[in-house]
Amino acid sequence: MTLNIETTVLLYLCFVLAFVFPLSDGAVHKVGDSAGWTIIGNVDYRKWAASKSFKIGDIILFQYNPAFHNVLQVHYADYKSCNASSPVSIHSTGSDSFAVNTYGHHLFICSVLGHCQSGQKVDINVIRSTSTTPTLPGFRVSPPASLTPTPPRAGVPQLSQGAHHFHYFLLLIVQLFVVTSYTFLD
């Protein structure tokens, strides 16, 4: 049985919308809140990070005076020892943002002499949530077989957890529409 042209176009548009325009439910977290990224004011970045719930899709925003600070993303050993000699990335615009697209620890320090040792470093820990994929009565959408995140590929936009849920839900609706169309056309 074939679908009429209107139904085919509608299905095509649903698939295009689902994969071309992903939704994001991420929050923007300004490191240090109103104080920003600084050593003035005794900001406790460990307490600041512990008070937040970071997730995939969030944006981590560092705002600071670039004449006095910078932001280096570093590995764990370098974070612990305040070693700035082999950073993952270096940023010094005064308004740097990082999109969270993987689970785990994202470690940042200031490499200005003495700043990291004085506490200007932050561990953004993104913990896997326990939420489930939305389902309709009588239907079950299985999660992917592997829950281990893959590293992001350069130039490929990463979807937030909410966007993945939206896509599962949209695909379920499209499947219901196709099944219903076949049932009523018979």
N, C-alpha and C. Protein backbone atom coordinates (compact mmCIF):
# COMPACT_ATOMS: atom_id res chain seq x y z
N MET A 1 0.84 -1.18 0.00
CA MET A 1 0.00 0.00 0.00
C MET A 1 0.89 1.24 0.00
N THR A 2 0.57 2.26 -0.75
CA THR A 2 1.36 3.49 -0.82
C THR A 2 0.65 4.61 -0.08
N LEU A 3 1.43 5.54 0.40
CA LEU A 3 0.90 6.71 1.09
C LEU A 3 0.65 7.81 0.07
N ASN A 4 -0.35 8.64 0.34
CA ASN A 4 -0.60 9.75 -0.58
C ASN A 4 0.50 10.80 -0.42
N ILE A 5 0.57 11.74 -1.33
CA ILE A 5 1.66 12.71 -1.38
C ILE A 5 1.69 13.61 -0.13
N GLU A 6 0.53 14.00 0.39
CA GLU A 6 0.49 14.85 1.58
C GLU A 6 1.09 14.14 2.80
N THR A 7 0.75 12.89 2.96
CA THR A 7 1.27 12.11 4.08
C THR A 7 2.77 11.92 3.95
N THR A 8 3.24 11.65 2.77
CA THR A 8 4.68 11.46 2.53
C THR A 8 5.44 12.74 2.85
N VAL A 9 4.94 13.88 2.40
CA VAL A 9 5.59 15.17 2.67
C VAL A 9 5.60 15.46 4.17
N LEU A 10 4.50 15.20 4.85
CA LEU A 10 4.42 15.44 6.28
C LEU A 10 5.43 14.57 7.04
N LEU A 11 5.55 13.32 6.68
CA LEU A 11 6.52 12.43 7.32
C LEU A 11 7.95 12.91 7.07
N TYR A 12 8.21 13.32 5.84
CA TYR A 12 9.55 13.83 5.51
C TYR A 12 9.87 15.06 6.35
N LEU A 13 8.93 15.98 6.48
CA LEU A 13 9.15 17.20 7.27
C LEU A 13 9.38 16.88 8.74
N CYS A 14 8.67 15.90 9.28
CA CYS A 14 8.87 15.51 10.67
C CYS A 14 10.30 15.01 10.89
N PHE A 15 10.79 14.18 9.97
CA PHE A 15 12.16 13.67 10.11
C PHE A 15 13.17 14.80 9.98
N VAL A 16 12.96 15.71 9.06
CA VAL A 16 13.88 16.84 8.89
C VAL A 16 13.90 17.70 10.15
N LEU A 17 12.74 18.02 10.69
CA LEU A 17 12.67 18.84 11.89
C LEU A 17 13.32 18.15 13.08
N ALA A 18 13.16 16.84 13.17
CA ALA A 18 13.71 16.10 14.31
C ALA A 18 15.23 16.11 14.32
N PHE A 19 15.86 16.14 13.17
CA PHE A 19 17.31 16.02 13.12
C PHE A 19 18.05 17.29 12.74
N VAL A 20 17.38 18.26 12.16
CA VAL A 20 18.05 19.49 11.76
C VAL A 20 17.94 20.56 12.84
N PHE A 21 16.84 20.58 13.59
CA PHE A 21 16.62 21.61 14.60
C PHE A 21 16.51 20.98 15.98
N PRO A 22 17.63 20.54 16.56
CA PRO A 22 17.56 19.94 17.88
C PRO A 22 17.21 20.98 18.94
N LEU A 23 16.48 20.55 19.96
CA LEU A 23 16.14 21.41 21.08
C LEU A 23 17.19 21.26 22.17
N SER A 24 17.41 22.30 22.92
CA SER A 24 18.34 22.23 24.04
C SER A 24 17.63 22.72 25.29
N ASP A 25 17.79 21.98 26.37
CA ASP A 25 17.21 22.42 27.62
C ASP A 25 18.31 22.77 28.61
N GLY A 26 19.48 23.12 28.08
CA GLY A 26 20.64 23.41 28.93
C GLY A 26 20.55 24.77 29.59
N ALA A 27 21.21 24.86 30.73
CA ALA A 27 21.28 26.11 31.49
C ALA A 27 22.64 26.76 31.26
N VAL A 28 22.71 28.05 31.52
CA VAL A 28 23.98 28.77 31.47
C VAL A 28 24.42 29.00 32.92
N HIS A 29 25.62 28.52 33.25
CA HIS A 29 26.17 28.66 34.60
C HIS A 29 27.35 29.61 34.54
N LYS A 30 27.20 30.79 35.17
CA LYS A 30 28.32 31.74 35.24
C LYS A 30 29.20 31.33 36.42
N VAL A 31 30.42 30.95 36.12
CA VAL A 31 31.34 30.49 37.16
C VAL A 31 31.56 31.60 38.19
N GLY A 32 31.31 31.26 39.47
CA GLY A 32 31.45 32.23 40.55
C GLY A 32 30.25 33.15 40.72
N ASP A 33 29.18 32.90 39.95
CA ASP A 33 27.98 33.73 39.97
C ASP A 33 28.33 35.20 39.78
N SER A 34 27.88 36.09 40.65
CA SER A 34 28.08 37.53 40.42
C SER A 34 29.56 37.94 40.54
N ALA A 35 30.36 37.21 41.30
CA ALA A 35 31.79 37.55 41.43
C ALA A 35 32.56 37.23 40.16
N GLY A 36 32.14 36.21 39.44
CA GLY A 36 32.83 35.80 38.23
C GLY A 36 34.07 34.99 38.53
N TRP A 37 35.01 34.98 37.59
CA TRP A 37 36.26 34.20 37.66
C TRP A 37 37.33 35.14 38.19
N THR A 38 37.66 35.04 39.47
CA THR A 38 38.55 36.01 40.12
C THR A 38 39.17 35.41 41.37
N ILE A 39 40.17 36.07 41.93
CA ILE A 39 40.70 35.70 43.25
C ILE A 39 40.28 36.71 44.31
N ILE A 40 39.63 37.79 43.86
CA ILE A 40 39.16 38.83 44.78
C ILE A 40 37.83 38.37 45.39
N GLY A 41 37.68 38.55 46.68
CA GLY A 41 36.41 38.22 47.33
C GLY A 41 36.35 36.81 47.87
N ASN A 42 37.44 36.07 47.81
CA ASN A 42 37.48 34.72 48.37
C ASN A 42 36.35 33.82 47.86
N VAL A 43 36.17 33.75 46.56
CA VAL A 43 35.17 32.86 45.98
C VAL A 43 35.64 31.42 46.14
N ASP A 44 34.80 30.58 46.69
CA ASP A 44 35.11 29.15 46.86
C ASP A 44 34.49 28.41 45.68
N TYR A 45 35.29 28.15 44.65
CA TYR A 45 34.77 27.52 43.44
C TYR A 45 34.36 26.06 43.67
N ARG A 46 34.95 25.42 44.66
CA ARG A 46 34.54 24.04 44.99
C ARG A 46 33.10 24.06 45.51
N LYS A 47 32.80 24.99 46.43
CA LYS A 47 31.43 25.11 46.95
C LYS A 47 30.48 25.56 45.85
N TRP A 48 30.95 26.49 45.01
CA TRP A 48 30.10 26.96 43.92
C TRP A 48 29.69 25.80 43.02
N ALA A 49 30.66 24.99 42.61
CA ALA A 49 30.36 23.86 41.72
C ALA A 49 29.49 22.83 42.41
N ALA A 50 29.71 22.60 43.70
CA ALA A 50 28.92 21.61 44.45
C ALA A 50 27.46 22.05 44.58
N SER A 51 27.21 23.35 44.49
CA SER A 51 25.83 23.85 44.62
C SER A 51 25.06 23.78 43.30
N LYS A 52 25.71 23.37 42.22
CA LYS A 52 25.09 23.32 40.91
C LYS A 52 24.84 21.88 40.49
N SER A 53 23.91 21.72 39.57
CA SER A 53 23.63 20.41 38.98
C SER A 53 23.89 20.54 37.48
N PHE A 54 25.07 20.13 37.05
CA PHE A 54 25.47 20.28 35.66
C PHE A 54 24.96 19.10 34.85
N LYS A 55 24.58 19.37 33.59
CA LYS A 55 24.11 18.30 32.71
C LYS A 55 24.54 18.58 31.28
N ILE A 56 24.42 17.56 30.46
CA ILE A 56 24.74 17.69 29.04
C ILE A 56 23.85 18.79 28.45
N GLY A 57 24.45 19.67 27.66
CA GLY A 57 23.70 20.77 27.05
C GLY A 57 23.88 22.09 27.78
N ASP A 58 24.42 22.05 29.00
CA ASP A 58 24.66 23.28 29.75
C ASP A 58 25.83 24.05 29.14
N ILE A 59 25.87 25.34 29.44
CA ILE A 59 26.97 26.21 29.04
C ILE A 59 27.64 26.71 30.31
N ILE A 60 28.96 26.56 30.35
CA ILE A 60 29.75 27.06 31.48
C ILE A 60 30.40 28.36 31.02
N LEU A 61 30.07 29.46 31.68
CA LEU A 61 30.52 30.80 31.27
C LEU A 61 31.53 31.35 32.28
N PHE A 62 32.71 31.69 31.79
CA PHE A 62 33.74 32.32 32.60
C PHE A 62 33.80 33.79 32.21
N GLN A 63 33.51 34.68 33.17
CA GLN A 63 33.62 36.12 32.92
C GLN A 63 34.65 36.69 33.89
N TYR A 64 35.63 37.45 33.33
CA TYR A 64 36.76 37.93 34.11
C TYR A 64 37.45 39.05 33.36
N ASN A 65 38.36 39.71 34.05
CA ASN A 65 39.19 40.75 33.43
C ASN A 65 40.38 40.05 32.77
N PRO A 66 40.47 40.08 31.44
CA PRO A 66 41.55 39.35 30.76
C PRO A 66 42.95 39.93 31.00
N ALA A 67 43.03 41.11 31.58
CA ALA A 67 44.34 41.66 31.93
C ALA A 67 44.93 40.96 33.16
N PHE A 68 44.06 40.28 33.94
CA PHE A 68 44.52 39.67 35.19
C PHE A 68 44.27 38.17 35.30
N HIS A 69 43.49 37.60 34.39
CA HIS A 69 43.13 36.18 34.50
C HIS A 69 43.05 35.53 33.12
N ASN A 70 42.97 34.22 33.13
CA ASN A 70 42.70 33.44 31.93
C ASN A 70 42.01 32.15 32.36
N VAL A 71 41.68 31.30 31.40
CA VAL A 71 41.03 30.02 31.69
C VAL A 71 41.75 28.95 30.90
N LEU A 72 42.25 27.95 31.61
CA LEU A 72 42.87 26.80 30.96
C LEU A 72 42.08 25.56 31.32
N GLN A 73 41.70 24.80 30.31
CA GLN A 73 41.11 23.50 30.59
C GLN A 73 42.28 22.53 30.69
N VAL A 74 42.30 21.72 31.76
CA VAL A 74 43.45 20.87 32.04
C VAL A 74 43.02 19.45 32.39
N HIS A 75 44.02 18.56 32.43
CA HIS A 75 43.81 17.18 32.86
C HIS A 75 43.84 17.12 34.39
N TYR A 76 43.38 15.99 34.93
CA TYR A 76 43.24 15.84 36.38
C TYR A 76 44.54 16.11 37.15
N ALA A 77 45.64 15.49 36.75
CA ALA A 77 46.91 15.68 37.47
C ALA A 77 47.33 17.14 37.47
N ASP A 78 47.12 17.83 36.34
CA ASP A 78 47.47 19.25 36.25
C ASP A 78 46.53 20.11 37.10
N TYR A 79 45.28 19.70 37.20
CA TYR A 79 44.32 20.41 38.05
C TYR A 79 44.75 20.31 39.51
N LYS A 80 45.08 19.10 39.94
CA LYS A 80 45.46 18.88 41.34
C LYS A 80 46.73 19.65 41.71
N SER A 81 47.71 19.70 40.79
CA SER A 81 48.99 20.34 41.09
C SER A 81 49.09 21.79 40.60
N CYS A 82 48.03 22.29 39.98
CA CYS A 82 48.03 23.65 39.41
C CYS A 82 49.15 23.81 38.37
N ASN A 83 49.31 22.80 37.54
CA ASN A 83 50.33 22.81 36.49
C ASN A 83 49.69 23.31 35.19
N ALA A 84 50.18 24.42 34.68
CA ALA A 84 49.62 25.01 33.46
C ALA A 84 50.47 24.74 32.22
N SER A 85 51.43 23.83 32.31
CA SER A 85 52.37 23.64 31.20
C SER A 85 51.82 22.82 30.03
N SER A 86 50.78 22.04 30.23
CA SER A 86 50.24 21.23 29.11
C SER A 86 48.70 21.24 29.13
N PRO A 87 48.09 22.41 28.91
CA PRO A 87 46.63 22.49 28.96
C PRO A 87 45.96 21.82 27.76
N VAL A 88 44.72 21.46 27.95
CA VAL A 88 43.88 20.94 26.86
C VAL A 88 43.52 22.11 25.95
N SER A 89 43.19 23.25 26.56
CA SER A 89 42.87 24.46 25.80
C SER A 89 43.15 25.69 26.65
N ILE A 90 43.40 26.82 25.98
CA ILE A 90 43.69 28.09 26.65
C ILE A 90 42.71 29.14 26.13
N HIS A 91 42.17 29.93 27.06
CA HIS A 91 41.21 30.97 26.69
C HIS A 91 41.52 32.23 27.48
N SER A 92 41.39 33.38 26.81
CA SER A 92 41.76 34.63 27.47
C SER A 92 40.97 35.83 26.97
N THR A 93 39.71 35.62 26.58
CA THR A 93 38.91 36.73 26.06
C THR A 93 38.26 37.56 27.15
N GLY A 94 38.09 36.97 28.33
CA GLY A 94 37.35 37.65 29.40
C GLY A 94 35.91 37.22 29.46
N SER A 95 35.44 36.54 28.44
CA SER A 95 34.08 35.99 28.41
C SER A 95 34.12 34.70 27.58
N ASP A 96 34.51 33.63 28.23
CA ASP A 96 34.69 32.35 27.55
C ASP A 96 33.61 31.37 27.98
N SER A 97 33.03 30.68 27.01
CA SER A 97 31.99 29.71 27.34
C SER A 97 32.36 28.34 26.80
N PHE A 98 31.93 27.33 27.52
CA PHE A 98 32.19 25.95 27.18
C PHE A 98 30.88 25.19 27.19
N ALA A 99 30.58 24.53 26.09
CA ALA A 99 29.37 23.70 26.01
C ALA A 99 29.68 22.34 26.62
N VAL A 100 28.87 21.91 27.55
CA VAL A 100 29.04 20.61 28.18
C VAL A 100 28.43 19.57 27.25
N ASN A 101 29.28 18.70 26.69
CA ASN A 101 28.76 17.67 25.79
C ASN A 101 29.21 16.26 26.16
N THR A 102 29.85 16.12 27.31
CA THR A 102 30.22 14.79 27.80
C THR A 102 30.02 14.73 29.31
N TYR A 103 29.81 13.52 29.80
CA TYR A 103 29.72 13.30 31.24
C TYR A 103 31.12 13.30 31.84
N GLY A 104 31.21 13.49 33.14
CA GLY A 104 32.48 13.42 33.83
C GLY A 104 32.98 14.78 34.28
N HIS A 105 34.27 14.83 34.62
CA HIS A 105 34.90 16.03 35.17
C HIS A 105 35.46 16.89 34.05
N HIS A 106 35.17 18.18 34.12
CA HIS A 106 35.71 19.19 33.21
C HIS A 106 36.47 20.16 34.12
N LEU A 107 37.78 20.18 33.99
CA LEU A 107 38.65 20.86 34.95
C LEU A 107 39.26 22.13 34.36
N PHE A 108 39.19 23.23 35.12
CA PHE A 108 39.66 24.51 34.66
C PHE A 108 40.49 25.19 35.75
N ILE A 109 41.55 25.91 35.32
CA ILE A 109 42.38 26.67 36.25
C ILE A 109 42.71 28.03 35.63
N CYS A 110 43.18 28.94 36.47
CA CYS A 110 43.78 30.19 35.99
C CYS A 110 45.28 29.99 36.09
N SER A 111 46.01 30.33 35.01
CA SER A 111 47.45 30.08 35.00
C SER A 111 48.30 31.27 35.46
N VAL A 112 47.66 32.36 35.85
CA VAL A 112 48.42 33.50 36.36
C VAL A 112 49.07 33.07 37.68
N LEU A 113 50.33 33.43 37.84
CA LEU A 113 51.14 32.99 38.98
C LEU A 113 50.40 33.15 40.31
N GLY A 114 50.24 32.03 41.00
CA GLY A 114 49.63 32.03 42.33
C GLY A 114 48.12 31.93 42.36
N HIS A 115 47.45 32.17 41.25
CA HIS A 115 45.98 32.19 41.26
C HIS A 115 45.38 30.80 41.51
N CYS A 116 45.84 29.80 40.78
CA CYS A 116 45.32 28.45 40.97
C CYS A 116 45.60 27.98 42.40
N GLN A 117 46.80 28.23 42.87
CA GLN A 117 47.17 27.83 44.23
C GLN A 117 46.31 28.54 45.28
N SER A 118 45.78 29.72 44.93
CA SER A 118 44.90 30.46 45.83
C SER A 118 43.44 30.03 45.71
N GLY A 119 43.18 29.05 44.85
CA GLY A 119 41.81 28.51 44.74
C GLY A 119 41.08 28.86 43.46
N GLN A 120 41.73 29.53 42.52
CA GLN A 120 41.06 29.87 41.27
C GLN A 120 41.16 28.69 40.31
N LYS A 121 40.37 27.67 40.64
CA LYS A 121 40.25 26.48 39.81
C LYS A 121 38.87 25.88 40.11
N VAL A 122 38.31 25.22 39.10
CA VAL A 122 36.96 24.68 39.28
C VAL A 122 36.84 23.33 38.56
N ASP A 123 36.13 22.42 39.21
CA ASP A 123 35.84 21.09 38.68
C ASP A 123 34.35 21.04 38.37
N ILE A 124 34.03 21.05 37.09
CA ILE A 124 32.64 20.93 36.64
C ILE A 124 32.37 19.45 36.43
N ASN A 125 31.62 18.83 37.33
CA ASN A 125 31.35 17.40 37.25
C ASN A 125 29.94 17.16 36.73
N VAL A 126 29.85 16.55 35.57
CA VAL A 126 28.56 16.28 34.94
C VAL A 126 28.22 14.82 35.21
N ILE A 127 27.21 14.62 36.04
CA ILE A 127 26.81 13.28 36.46
C ILE A 127 25.64 12.82 35.60
N ARG A 128 25.71 11.56 35.22
CA ARG A 128 24.64 10.95 34.42
C ARG A 128 23.34 10.97 35.22
N SER A 129 22.26 11.48 34.62
CA SER A 129 20.98 11.55 35.33
C SER A 129 20.28 10.20 35.25
N THR A 130 19.26 10.05 36.10
CA THR A 130 18.51 8.79 36.14
C THR A 130 17.14 8.94 35.50
N SER A 131 16.92 10.03 34.76
CA SER A 131 15.60 10.22 34.14
C SER A 131 15.40 9.21 33.02
N THR A 132 14.14 9.00 32.68
CA THR A 132 13.81 8.01 31.65
C THR A 132 13.25 8.68 30.41
N THR A 133 13.24 7.94 29.34
CA THR A 133 12.70 8.42 28.08
C THR A 133 11.17 8.43 28.16
N PRO A 134 10.50 9.51 27.66
CA PRO A 134 9.04 9.54 27.72
C PRO A 134 8.44 8.46 26.83
N THR A 135 7.35 7.87 27.33
CA THR A 135 6.67 6.84 26.55
C THR A 135 5.18 7.08 26.59
N LEU A 136 4.49 6.50 25.63
CA LEU A 136 3.04 6.51 25.60
C LEU A 136 2.55 5.15 26.07
N PRO A 137 1.34 5.08 26.63
CA PRO A 137 0.83 3.79 27.10
C PRO A 137 0.87 2.75 25.98
N GLY A 138 1.38 1.57 26.30
CA GLY A 138 1.44 0.49 25.32
C GLY A 138 2.68 0.51 24.44
N PHE A 139 3.51 1.54 24.55
CA PHE A 139 4.71 1.64 23.72
C PHE A 139 5.92 1.81 24.62
N ARG A 140 7.02 1.23 24.23
CA ARG A 140 8.26 1.36 24.99
C ARG A 140 9.38 1.68 24.02
N VAL A 141 10.13 2.72 24.33
CA VAL A 141 11.29 3.08 23.53
C VAL A 141 12.51 2.68 24.33
N SER A 142 13.34 1.79 23.78
CA SER A 142 14.52 1.30 24.48
C SER A 142 15.65 2.30 24.34
N PRO A 143 16.43 2.50 25.42
CA PRO A 143 17.59 3.37 25.32
C PRO A 143 18.67 2.68 24.50
N PRO A 144 19.68 3.41 24.06
CA PRO A 144 20.77 2.81 23.30
C PRO A 144 21.43 1.69 24.11
N ALA A 145 21.99 0.71 23.40
CA ALA A 145 22.61 -0.44 24.06
C ALA A 145 23.80 -0.02 24.91
N SER A 146 24.57 0.93 24.45
CA SER A 146 25.74 1.37 25.19
C SER A 146 25.46 2.72 25.81
N LEU A 147 25.67 2.83 27.11
CA LEU A 147 25.46 4.10 27.79
C LEU A 147 26.77 4.86 27.97
N THR A 148 27.86 4.34 27.43
CA THR A 148 29.14 5.02 27.51
C THR A 148 29.17 6.13 26.46
N PRO A 149 29.36 7.39 26.89
CA PRO A 149 29.36 8.48 25.91
C PRO A 149 30.57 8.36 24.99
N THR A 150 30.35 8.69 23.73
CA THR A 150 31.45 8.71 22.79
C THR A 150 31.99 10.13 22.72
N PRO A 151 33.28 10.29 22.46
CA PRO A 151 33.82 11.64 22.38
C PRO A 151 33.18 12.41 21.24
N PRO A 152 32.93 13.71 21.42
CA PRO A 152 32.32 14.49 20.36
C PRO A 152 33.25 14.61 19.16
N ARG A 153 32.65 14.58 17.96
CA ARG A 153 33.43 14.77 16.74
C ARG A 153 33.43 16.24 16.39
N ALA A 154 34.54 16.71 15.88
CA ALA A 154 34.68 18.12 15.51
C ALA A 154 33.64 18.49 14.46
N GLY A 155 32.95 19.59 14.67
CA GLY A 155 32.00 20.09 13.69
C GLY A 155 30.63 19.44 13.75
N VAL A 156 30.45 18.47 14.63
CA VAL A 156 29.16 17.78 14.74
C VAL A 156 28.46 18.30 15.99
N PRO A 157 27.27 18.92 15.84
CA PRO A 157 26.59 19.44 17.02
C PRO A 157 26.17 18.30 17.95
N GLN A 158 26.31 18.53 19.26
CA GLN A 158 25.95 17.53 20.25
C GLN A 158 24.57 17.87 20.80
N LEU A 159 23.75 16.84 21.00
CA LEU A 159 22.40 17.04 21.51
C LEU A 159 22.39 16.90 23.02
N SER A 160 21.58 17.70 23.67
CA SER A 160 21.41 17.56 25.11
C SER A 160 20.54 16.36 25.39
N GLN A 161 20.50 15.93 26.66
CA GLN A 161 19.68 14.80 27.04
C GLN A 161 18.21 15.07 26.71
N GLY A 162 17.76 16.30 26.96
CA GLY A 162 16.37 16.65 26.65
C GLY A 162 16.08 16.57 25.16
N ALA A 163 17.05 16.96 24.33
CA ALA A 163 16.86 16.87 22.89
C ALA A 163 16.77 15.42 22.44
N HIS A 164 17.57 14.53 23.07
CA HIS A 164 17.47 13.11 22.74
C HIS A 164 16.09 12.59 23.10
N HIS A 165 15.55 12.99 24.25
CA HIS A 165 14.21 12.56 24.65
C HIS A 165 13.18 13.08 23.66
N PHE A 166 13.34 14.32 23.23
CA PHE A 166 12.43 14.89 22.26
C PHE A 166 12.44 14.09 20.97
N HIS A 167 13.63 13.70 20.51
CA HIS A 167 13.74 12.93 19.28
C HIS A 167 13.11 11.56 19.41
N TYR A 168 13.31 10.88 20.54
CA TYR A 168 12.65 9.59 20.76
C TYR A 168 11.13 9.76 20.69
N PHE A 169 10.65 10.80 21.37
CA PHE A 169 9.22 11.04 21.39
C PHE A 169 8.68 11.37 19.99
N LEU A 170 9.39 12.23 19.24
CA LEU A 170 8.95 12.60 17.90
C LEU A 170 8.94 11.39 16.97
N LEU A 171 9.97 10.55 17.07
CA LEU A 171 10.00 9.34 16.24
C LEU A 171 8.87 8.39 16.59
N LEU A 172 8.52 8.32 17.88
CA LEU A 172 7.39 7.50 18.30
C LEU A 172 6.09 8.03 17.69
N ILE A 173 5.91 9.35 17.70
CA ILE A 173 4.71 9.96 17.11
C ILE A 173 4.65 9.68 15.61
N VAL A 174 5.78 9.80 14.93
CA VAL A 174 5.81 9.53 13.48
C VAL A 174 5.44 8.07 13.22
N GLN A 175 5.97 7.15 14.04
CA GLN A 175 5.62 5.74 13.87
C GLN A 175 4.14 5.51 14.10
N LEU A 176 3.58 6.15 15.12
CA LEU A 176 2.14 6.02 15.36
C LEU A 176 1.34 6.56 14.18
N PHE A 177 1.79 7.68 13.63
CA PHE A 177 1.10 8.28 12.49
C PHE A 177 1.13 7.33 11.29
N VAL A 178 2.27 6.71 11.04
CA VAL A 178 2.38 5.79 9.90
C VAL A 178 1.47 4.58 10.12
N VAL A 179 1.49 4.01 11.33
CA VAL A 179 0.64 2.85 11.62
C VAL A 179 -0.83 3.23 11.49
N THR A 180 -1.19 4.39 12.01
CA THR A 180 -2.59 4.84 11.91
C THR A 180 -2.96 5.08 10.45
N SER A 181 -2.08 5.67 9.68
CA SER A 181 -2.36 5.93 8.25
C SER A 181 -2.60 4.61 7.51
N TYR A 182 -1.77 3.62 7.77
CA TYR A 182 -1.94 2.32 7.12
C TYR A 182 -3.25 1.67 7.56
N THR A 183 -3.60 1.80 8.84
CA THR A 183 -4.83 1.18 9.35
C THR A 183 -6.06 1.80 8.71
N PHE A 184 -6.12 3.13 8.61
CA PHE A 184 -7.29 3.79 8.06
C PHE A 184 -7.33 3.73 6.54
N LEU A 185 -6.21 3.54 5.88
CA LEU A 185 -6.21 3.47 4.44
C LEU A 185 -6.59 2.09 3.93
N ASP A 186 -6.52 1.06 4.77
CA ASP A 186 -6.88 -0.29 4.35
C ASP A 186 -8.34 -0.48 4.18
